[in-house]
Amino acid sequence: MKKLEKKIIQNVFFYETKQTLFQLVFRTLGIIGLIIGGTFFGIYVLSQLSQQSTLDIFEILFEDFEILKNYLGEILSTFLVELPKLEIAASLVAFTISFILIFSVFKNFPRLKNKIHCLLKFWFKPLKPRSAG
């Protein structure tokens, strides 16, 4: 009976260890991948704006304030039309999801730390010497 109980407990700890490691690896890779993807899309948007010379519109800001005041609507509409909207949306979604994942990791960190501590304690516990009896 004691052997069966020990085997069941070991299987439960094995399952918990596998689940915890999967969660950690999945979240870490998810966060890293989303940040890299969001950065990639952000760089792509900036290169597109630079290639289209859309950012040259902002040179007007340094020339004359009256021109800016008179043509602000046209400047903004031109800028918004030339923005690559799909890439900006993908970048924002990637950064938002990565922020949510980071927040959930920090929110659950004490629980996760305790779980890892208990699992390490179980798997790396010192062996008890057998009694001679």
N, C-alpha and C. Protein backbone atom coordinates (compact mmCIF):
# COMPACT_ATOMS: atom_id res chain seq x y z
N MET A 1 0.83 -1.19 0.00
CA MET A 1 0.00 0.00 0.00
C MET A 1 0.87 1.26 0.00
N LYS A 2 1.92 1.22 0.79
CA LYS A 2 2.82 2.37 0.88
C LYS A 2 3.50 2.63 -0.47
N LYS A 3 3.81 1.54 -1.18
CA LYS A 3 4.46 1.65 -2.48
C LYS A 3 3.52 2.30 -3.50
N LEU A 4 2.25 1.91 -3.49
CA LEU A 4 1.25 2.47 -4.39
C LEU A 4 1.05 3.96 -4.11
N GLU A 5 0.98 4.30 -2.85
CA GLU A 5 0.81 5.70 -2.45
C GLU A 5 1.99 6.53 -2.93
N LYS A 6 3.18 6.00 -2.77
CA LYS A 6 4.39 6.71 -3.19
C LYS A 6 4.40 6.90 -4.71
N LYS A 7 3.95 5.87 -5.44
CA LYS A 7 3.92 5.95 -6.89
C LYS A 7 2.89 6.99 -7.36
N ILE A 8 1.74 7.04 -6.71
CA ILE A 8 0.70 8.03 -7.06
C ILE A 8 1.21 9.44 -6.81
N ILE A 9 1.84 9.65 -5.67
CA ILE A 9 2.38 10.97 -5.34
C ILE A 9 3.46 11.36 -6.34
N GLN A 10 4.30 10.41 -6.71
CA GLN A 10 5.34 10.70 -7.69
C GLN A 10 4.73 11.05 -9.05
N ASN A 11 3.67 10.37 -9.44
CA ASN A 11 3.00 10.69 -10.71
C ASN A 11 2.36 12.08 -10.68
N VAL A 12 1.78 12.43 -9.54
CA VAL A 12 1.18 13.76 -9.39
C VAL A 12 2.27 14.83 -9.50
N PHE A 13 3.39 14.63 -8.83
CA PHE A 13 4.48 15.60 -8.90
C PHE A 13 5.08 15.65 -10.30
N PHE A 14 5.16 14.51 -10.97
CA PHE A 14 5.66 14.50 -12.34
C PHE A 14 4.74 15.31 -13.25
N TYR A 15 3.44 15.13 -13.09
CA TYR A 15 2.46 15.88 -13.88
C TYR A 15 2.57 17.38 -13.60
N GLU A 16 2.66 17.75 -12.33
CA GLU A 16 2.77 19.17 -11.96
C GLU A 16 4.06 19.78 -12.49
N THR A 17 5.15 19.02 -12.44
CA THR A 17 6.43 19.51 -12.95
C THR A 17 6.33 19.75 -14.45
N LYS A 18 5.76 18.80 -15.16
CA LYS A 18 5.61 18.93 -16.61
C LYS A 18 4.74 20.13 -16.96
N GLN A 19 3.64 20.30 -16.24
CA GLN A 19 2.73 21.40 -16.50
C GLN A 19 3.39 22.75 -16.20
N THR A 20 4.11 22.84 -15.09
CA THR A 20 4.78 24.08 -14.72
C THR A 20 5.86 24.45 -15.72
N LEU A 21 6.67 23.48 -16.11
CA LEU A 21 7.72 23.76 -17.09
C LEU A 21 7.13 24.18 -18.43
N PHE A 22 6.06 23.51 -18.84
CA PHE A 22 5.41 23.88 -20.10
C PHE A 22 4.89 25.31 -20.03
N GLN A 23 4.27 25.67 -18.90
CA GLN A 23 3.75 27.02 -18.73
C GLN A 23 4.88 28.05 -18.80
N LEU A 24 5.97 27.79 -18.09
CA LEU A 24 7.08 28.73 -18.08
C LEU A 24 7.69 28.89 -19.47
N VAL A 25 7.94 27.77 -20.13
CA VAL A 25 8.55 27.83 -21.46
C VAL A 25 7.60 28.49 -22.46
N PHE A 26 6.33 28.13 -22.42
CA PHE A 26 5.35 28.70 -23.35
C PHE A 26 5.22 30.20 -23.16
N ARG A 27 5.10 30.64 -21.93
CA ARG A 27 4.94 32.08 -21.68
C ARG A 27 6.21 32.84 -22.04
N THR A 28 7.36 32.28 -21.69
CA THR A 28 8.62 32.96 -22.01
C THR A 28 8.81 33.08 -23.52
N LEU A 29 8.60 31.98 -24.23
CA LEU A 29 8.73 32.03 -25.68
C LEU A 29 7.67 32.93 -26.31
N GLY A 30 6.47 32.92 -25.74
CA GLY A 30 5.41 33.79 -26.24
C GLY A 30 5.76 35.26 -26.07
N ILE A 31 6.26 35.61 -24.90
CA ILE A 31 6.63 37.00 -24.65
C ILE A 31 7.76 37.42 -25.57
N ILE A 32 8.79 36.59 -25.67
CA ILE A 32 9.93 36.93 -26.53
C ILE A 32 9.50 37.04 -27.99
N GLY A 33 8.71 36.07 -28.45
CA GLY A 33 8.26 36.09 -29.84
C GLY A 33 7.39 37.29 -30.15
N LEU A 34 6.49 37.63 -29.25
CA LEU A 34 5.61 38.78 -29.49
C LEU A 34 6.38 40.09 -29.47
N ILE A 35 7.35 40.21 -28.57
CA ILE A 35 8.15 41.44 -28.54
C ILE A 35 8.99 41.56 -29.81
N ILE A 36 9.57 40.45 -30.25
CA ILE A 36 10.35 40.49 -31.49
C ILE A 36 9.44 40.81 -32.68
N GLY A 37 8.27 40.18 -32.72
CA GLY A 37 7.33 40.45 -33.81
C GLY A 37 6.84 41.89 -33.82
N GLY A 38 6.50 42.40 -32.64
CA GLY A 38 6.06 43.79 -32.55
C GLY A 38 7.14 44.77 -32.95
N THR A 39 8.38 44.47 -32.54
CA THR A 39 9.50 45.32 -32.93
C THR A 39 9.74 45.25 -34.44
N PHE A 40 9.64 44.05 -34.99
CA PHE A 40 9.81 43.89 -36.44
C PHE A 40 8.78 44.71 -37.20
N PHE A 41 7.51 44.62 -36.80
CA PHE A 41 6.48 45.39 -37.48
C PHE A 41 6.68 46.89 -37.28
N GLY A 42 7.12 47.30 -36.10
CA GLY A 42 7.40 48.72 -35.85
C GLY A 42 8.52 49.24 -36.74
N ILE A 43 9.59 48.46 -36.87
CA ILE A 43 10.69 48.85 -37.75
C ILE A 43 10.23 48.90 -39.20
N TYR A 44 9.39 47.94 -39.57
CA TYR A 44 8.86 47.92 -40.94
C TYR A 44 8.02 49.17 -41.22
N VAL A 45 7.20 49.57 -40.26
CA VAL A 45 6.38 50.78 -40.43
C VAL A 45 7.27 52.00 -40.60
N LEU A 46 8.30 52.12 -39.76
CA LEU A 46 9.20 53.27 -39.87
C LEU A 46 9.95 53.27 -41.20
N SER A 47 10.36 52.09 -41.66
CA SER A 47 11.07 52.05 -42.95
C SER A 47 10.12 52.41 -44.10
N GLN A 48 8.87 51.97 -44.01
CA GLN A 48 7.88 52.33 -45.04
C GLN A 48 7.65 53.84 -45.05
N LEU A 49 7.51 54.43 -43.87
CA LEU A 49 7.29 55.88 -43.79
C LEU A 49 8.50 56.64 -44.30
N SER A 50 9.68 56.13 -44.00
CA SER A 50 10.90 56.78 -44.48
C SER A 50 11.03 56.64 -45.99
N GLN A 51 10.70 55.47 -46.50
CA GLN A 51 10.79 55.22 -47.93
C GLN A 51 9.79 56.07 -48.72
N GLN A 52 8.62 56.27 -48.17
CA GLN A 52 7.59 57.07 -48.84
C GLN A 52 7.81 58.57 -48.62
N SER A 53 8.80 58.91 -47.82
CA SER A 53 9.09 60.30 -47.45
C SER A 53 7.92 60.94 -46.72
N THR A 54 7.16 60.14 -46.02
CA THR A 54 6.03 60.66 -45.26
C THR A 54 6.51 61.47 -44.06
N LEU A 55 7.63 61.08 -43.50
CA LEU A 55 8.13 61.78 -42.32
C LEU A 55 8.64 63.18 -42.66
N ASP A 56 8.83 63.47 -43.95
CA ASP A 56 9.24 64.81 -44.36
C ASP A 56 8.16 65.85 -44.09
N ILE A 57 6.93 65.39 -43.89
CA ILE A 57 5.83 66.31 -43.57
C ILE A 57 6.14 67.07 -42.28
N PHE A 58 6.84 66.42 -41.36
CA PHE A 58 7.09 67.05 -40.07
C PHE A 58 8.16 68.14 -40.14
N GLU A 59 8.82 68.29 -41.28
CA GLU A 59 9.75 69.41 -41.45
C GLU A 59 9.01 70.74 -41.45
N ILE A 60 7.74 70.70 -41.81
CA ILE A 60 6.92 71.92 -41.81
C ILE A 60 6.82 72.49 -40.40
N LEU A 61 6.87 71.62 -39.41
CA LEU A 61 6.75 72.08 -38.02
C LEU A 61 7.85 73.07 -37.66
N PHE A 62 9.02 72.90 -38.26
CA PHE A 62 10.16 73.75 -37.91
C PHE A 62 10.24 75.00 -38.77
N GLU A 63 9.45 75.08 -39.83
CA GLU A 63 9.54 76.23 -40.73
C GLU A 63 8.70 77.41 -40.25
N ASP A 64 7.40 77.21 -40.17
CA ASP A 64 6.54 78.34 -39.81
C ASP A 64 5.30 77.81 -39.12
N PHE A 65 4.96 78.42 -38.01
CA PHE A 65 3.80 77.98 -37.24
C PHE A 65 2.50 78.31 -37.96
N GLU A 66 2.47 79.39 -38.72
CA GLU A 66 1.26 79.79 -39.44
C GLU A 66 0.89 78.75 -40.51
N ILE A 67 1.89 78.23 -41.19
CA ILE A 67 1.64 77.20 -42.21
C ILE A 67 1.05 75.97 -41.54
N LEU A 68 1.61 75.61 -40.41
CA LEU A 68 1.12 74.45 -39.67
C LEU A 68 -0.33 74.66 -39.25
N LYS A 69 -0.63 75.85 -38.75
CA LYS A 69 -1.98 76.14 -38.29
C LYS A 69 -2.98 76.11 -39.45
N ASN A 70 -2.60 76.61 -40.60
CA ASN A 70 -3.50 76.66 -41.75
C ASN A 70 -3.73 75.30 -42.40
N TYR A 71 -2.69 74.46 -42.41
CA TYR A 71 -2.77 73.20 -43.15
C TYR A 71 -2.70 71.96 -42.25
N LEU A 72 -3.03 72.10 -40.99
CA LEU A 72 -2.93 70.97 -40.06
C LEU A 72 -3.82 69.80 -40.47
N GLY A 73 -5.03 70.08 -40.90
CA GLY A 73 -5.94 69.02 -41.33
C GLY A 73 -5.40 68.24 -42.52
N GLU A 74 -4.85 68.96 -43.50
CA GLU A 74 -4.29 68.30 -44.68
C GLU A 74 -3.05 67.48 -44.32
N ILE A 75 -2.23 68.02 -43.45
CA ILE A 75 -1.02 67.31 -43.03
C ILE A 75 -1.38 66.00 -42.34
N LEU A 76 -2.32 66.09 -41.41
CA LEU A 76 -2.72 64.88 -40.67
C LEU A 76 -3.41 63.87 -41.57
N SER A 77 -4.27 64.33 -42.49
CA SER A 77 -4.95 63.39 -43.38
C SER A 77 -3.96 62.70 -44.31
N THR A 78 -2.99 63.44 -44.82
CA THR A 78 -1.95 62.84 -45.67
C THR A 78 -1.15 61.81 -44.88
N PHE A 79 -0.80 62.17 -43.67
CA PHE A 79 -0.02 61.26 -42.82
C PHE A 79 -0.81 59.99 -42.52
N LEU A 80 -2.09 60.14 -42.18
CA LEU A 80 -2.91 58.98 -41.85
C LEU A 80 -3.18 58.09 -43.06
N VAL A 81 -3.30 58.68 -44.24
CA VAL A 81 -3.54 57.89 -45.45
C VAL A 81 -2.31 57.04 -45.79
N GLU A 82 -1.13 57.59 -45.58
CA GLU A 82 0.09 56.89 -45.96
C GLU A 82 0.59 55.91 -44.91
N LEU A 83 -0.05 55.86 -43.75
CA LEU A 83 0.38 54.91 -42.72
C LEU A 83 0.03 53.48 -43.12
N PRO A 84 0.95 52.54 -42.92
CA PRO A 84 0.60 51.13 -43.14
C PRO A 84 -0.20 50.61 -41.94
N LYS A 85 -1.51 50.65 -42.05
CA LYS A 85 -2.40 50.39 -40.92
C LYS A 85 -2.34 48.95 -40.42
N LEU A 86 -2.25 47.99 -41.32
CA LEU A 86 -2.22 46.59 -40.91
C LEU A 86 -0.98 46.28 -40.07
N GLU A 87 0.16 46.81 -40.48
CA GLU A 87 1.39 46.56 -39.74
C GLU A 87 1.37 47.25 -38.38
N ILE A 88 0.80 48.44 -38.33
CA ILE A 88 0.69 49.14 -37.05
C ILE A 88 -0.24 48.37 -36.11
N ALA A 89 -1.34 47.88 -36.65
CA ALA A 89 -2.28 47.09 -35.83
C ALA A 89 -1.61 45.81 -35.34
N ALA A 90 -0.86 45.14 -36.20
CA ALA A 90 -0.17 43.91 -35.79
C ALA A 90 0.85 44.20 -34.70
N SER A 91 1.57 45.29 -34.84
CA SER A 91 2.56 45.68 -33.84
C SER A 91 1.90 45.99 -32.50
N LEU A 92 0.80 46.75 -32.54
CA LEU A 92 0.10 47.09 -31.30
C LEU A 92 -0.50 45.85 -30.63
N VAL A 93 -1.06 44.95 -31.42
CA VAL A 93 -1.62 43.71 -30.86
C VAL A 93 -0.52 42.87 -30.22
N ALA A 94 0.62 42.76 -30.90
CA ALA A 94 1.74 41.97 -30.36
C ALA A 94 2.23 42.55 -29.05
N PHE A 95 2.41 43.87 -29.00
CA PHE A 95 2.87 44.49 -27.76
C PHE A 95 1.82 44.39 -26.65
N THR A 96 0.55 44.51 -26.99
CA THR A 96 -0.52 44.40 -25.99
C THR A 96 -0.57 43.00 -25.39
N ILE A 97 -0.52 41.98 -26.24
CA ILE A 97 -0.56 40.60 -25.74
C ILE A 97 0.68 40.30 -24.91
N SER A 98 1.86 40.78 -25.34
CA SER A 98 3.07 40.54 -24.55
C SER A 98 2.99 41.26 -23.21
N PHE A 99 2.40 42.46 -23.19
CA PHE A 99 2.23 43.17 -21.92
C PHE A 99 1.29 42.39 -20.99
N ILE A 100 0.22 41.84 -21.55
CA ILE A 100 -0.72 41.05 -20.74
C ILE A 100 -0.02 39.80 -20.19
N LEU A 101 0.78 39.13 -21.02
CA LEU A 101 1.50 37.95 -20.56
C LEU A 101 2.51 38.30 -19.46
N ILE A 102 3.24 39.39 -19.64
CA ILE A 102 4.20 39.81 -18.62
C ILE A 102 3.47 40.15 -17.33
N PHE A 103 2.35 40.85 -17.44
CA PHE A 103 1.57 41.20 -16.25
C PHE A 103 1.07 39.96 -15.53
N SER A 104 0.60 38.96 -16.29
CA SER A 104 0.10 37.74 -15.65
C SER A 104 1.22 36.96 -14.98
N VAL A 105 2.41 36.98 -15.58
CA VAL A 105 3.55 36.29 -14.94
C VAL A 105 3.90 36.99 -13.62
N PHE A 106 3.96 38.32 -13.62
CA PHE A 106 4.29 39.03 -12.39
C PHE A 106 3.18 38.91 -11.34
N LYS A 107 1.94 38.86 -11.80
CA LYS A 107 0.82 38.73 -10.87
C LYS A 107 0.85 37.37 -10.18
N ASN A 108 1.17 36.33 -10.93
CA ASN A 108 1.19 34.97 -10.38
C ASN A 108 2.58 34.54 -9.93
N PHE A 109 3.53 35.46 -9.86
CA PHE A 109 4.90 35.10 -9.53
C PHE A 109 5.04 34.45 -8.15
N PRO A 110 4.42 34.99 -7.09
CA PRO A 110 4.57 34.32 -5.78
C PRO A 110 4.06 32.88 -5.80
N ARG A 111 2.94 32.66 -6.44
CA ARG A 111 2.39 31.31 -6.53
C ARG A 111 3.30 30.39 -7.35
N LEU A 112 3.79 30.91 -8.45
CA LEU A 112 4.68 30.14 -9.31
C LEU A 112 6.00 29.83 -8.60
N LYS A 113 6.51 30.81 -7.88
CA LYS A 113 7.76 30.62 -7.14
C LYS A 113 7.58 29.54 -6.08
N ASN A 114 6.47 29.57 -5.37
CA ASN A 114 6.19 28.56 -4.35
C ASN A 114 6.04 27.18 -4.98
N LYS A 115 5.38 27.12 -6.11
CA LYS A 115 5.19 25.85 -6.81
C LYS A 115 6.53 25.26 -7.24
N ILE A 116 7.39 26.10 -7.81
CA ILE A 116 8.71 25.64 -8.24
C ILE A 116 9.54 25.20 -7.04
N HIS A 117 9.46 25.96 -5.96
CA HIS A 117 10.19 25.60 -4.74
C HIS A 117 9.75 24.23 -4.22
N CYS A 118 8.45 24.00 -4.19
CA CYS A 118 7.94 22.70 -3.72
C CYS A 118 8.35 21.57 -4.65
N LEU A 119 8.31 21.81 -5.94
CA LEU A 119 8.71 20.77 -6.89
C LEU A 119 10.20 20.45 -6.78
N LEU A 120 11.02 21.49 -6.63
CA LEU A 120 12.45 21.25 -6.47
C LEU A 120 12.74 20.51 -5.17
N LYS A 121 12.00 20.87 -4.13
CA LYS A 121 12.17 20.21 -2.84
C LYS A 121 11.80 18.73 -2.95
N PHE A 122 10.75 18.41 -3.71
CA PHE A 122 10.34 17.02 -3.85
C PHE A 122 11.35 16.23 -4.68
N TRP A 123 11.76 16.79 -5.81
CA TRP A 123 12.62 16.03 -6.73
C TRP A 123 14.06 15.92 -6.23
N PHE A 124 14.52 16.89 -5.47
CA PHE A 124 15.91 16.87 -5.02
C PHE A 124 16.04 16.71 -3.52
N LYS A 125 15.08 16.02 -2.92
CA LYS A 125 15.14 15.79 -1.48
C LYS A 125 16.24 14.76 -1.19
N PRO A 126 16.91 14.90 -0.05
CA PRO A 126 17.95 13.92 0.29
C PRO A 126 17.33 12.56 0.61
N LEU A 127 18.02 11.54 0.21
CA LEU A 127 17.53 10.19 0.47
C LEU A 127 17.68 9.86 1.95
N LYS A 128 16.64 9.24 2.50
CA LYS A 128 16.68 8.86 3.91
C LYS A 128 17.45 7.55 4.03
N PRO A 129 18.32 7.44 5.01
CA PRO A 129 19.03 6.17 5.20
C PRO A 129 18.05 5.10 5.67
N ARG A 130 18.24 3.91 5.16
CA ARG A 130 17.36 2.80 5.54
C ARG A 130 17.71 2.33 6.95
N SER A 131 16.66 2.00 7.66
CA SER A 131 16.89 1.48 9.02
C SER A 131 17.21 -0.01 8.93
N ALA A 132 18.08 -0.46 9.78
CA ALA A 132 18.48 -1.87 9.79
C ALA A 132 17.50 -2.64 10.66
N GLY A 133 16.43 -3.03 10.11
CA GLY A 133 15.49 -3.72 10.97
C GLY A 133 14.56 -4.54 10.29
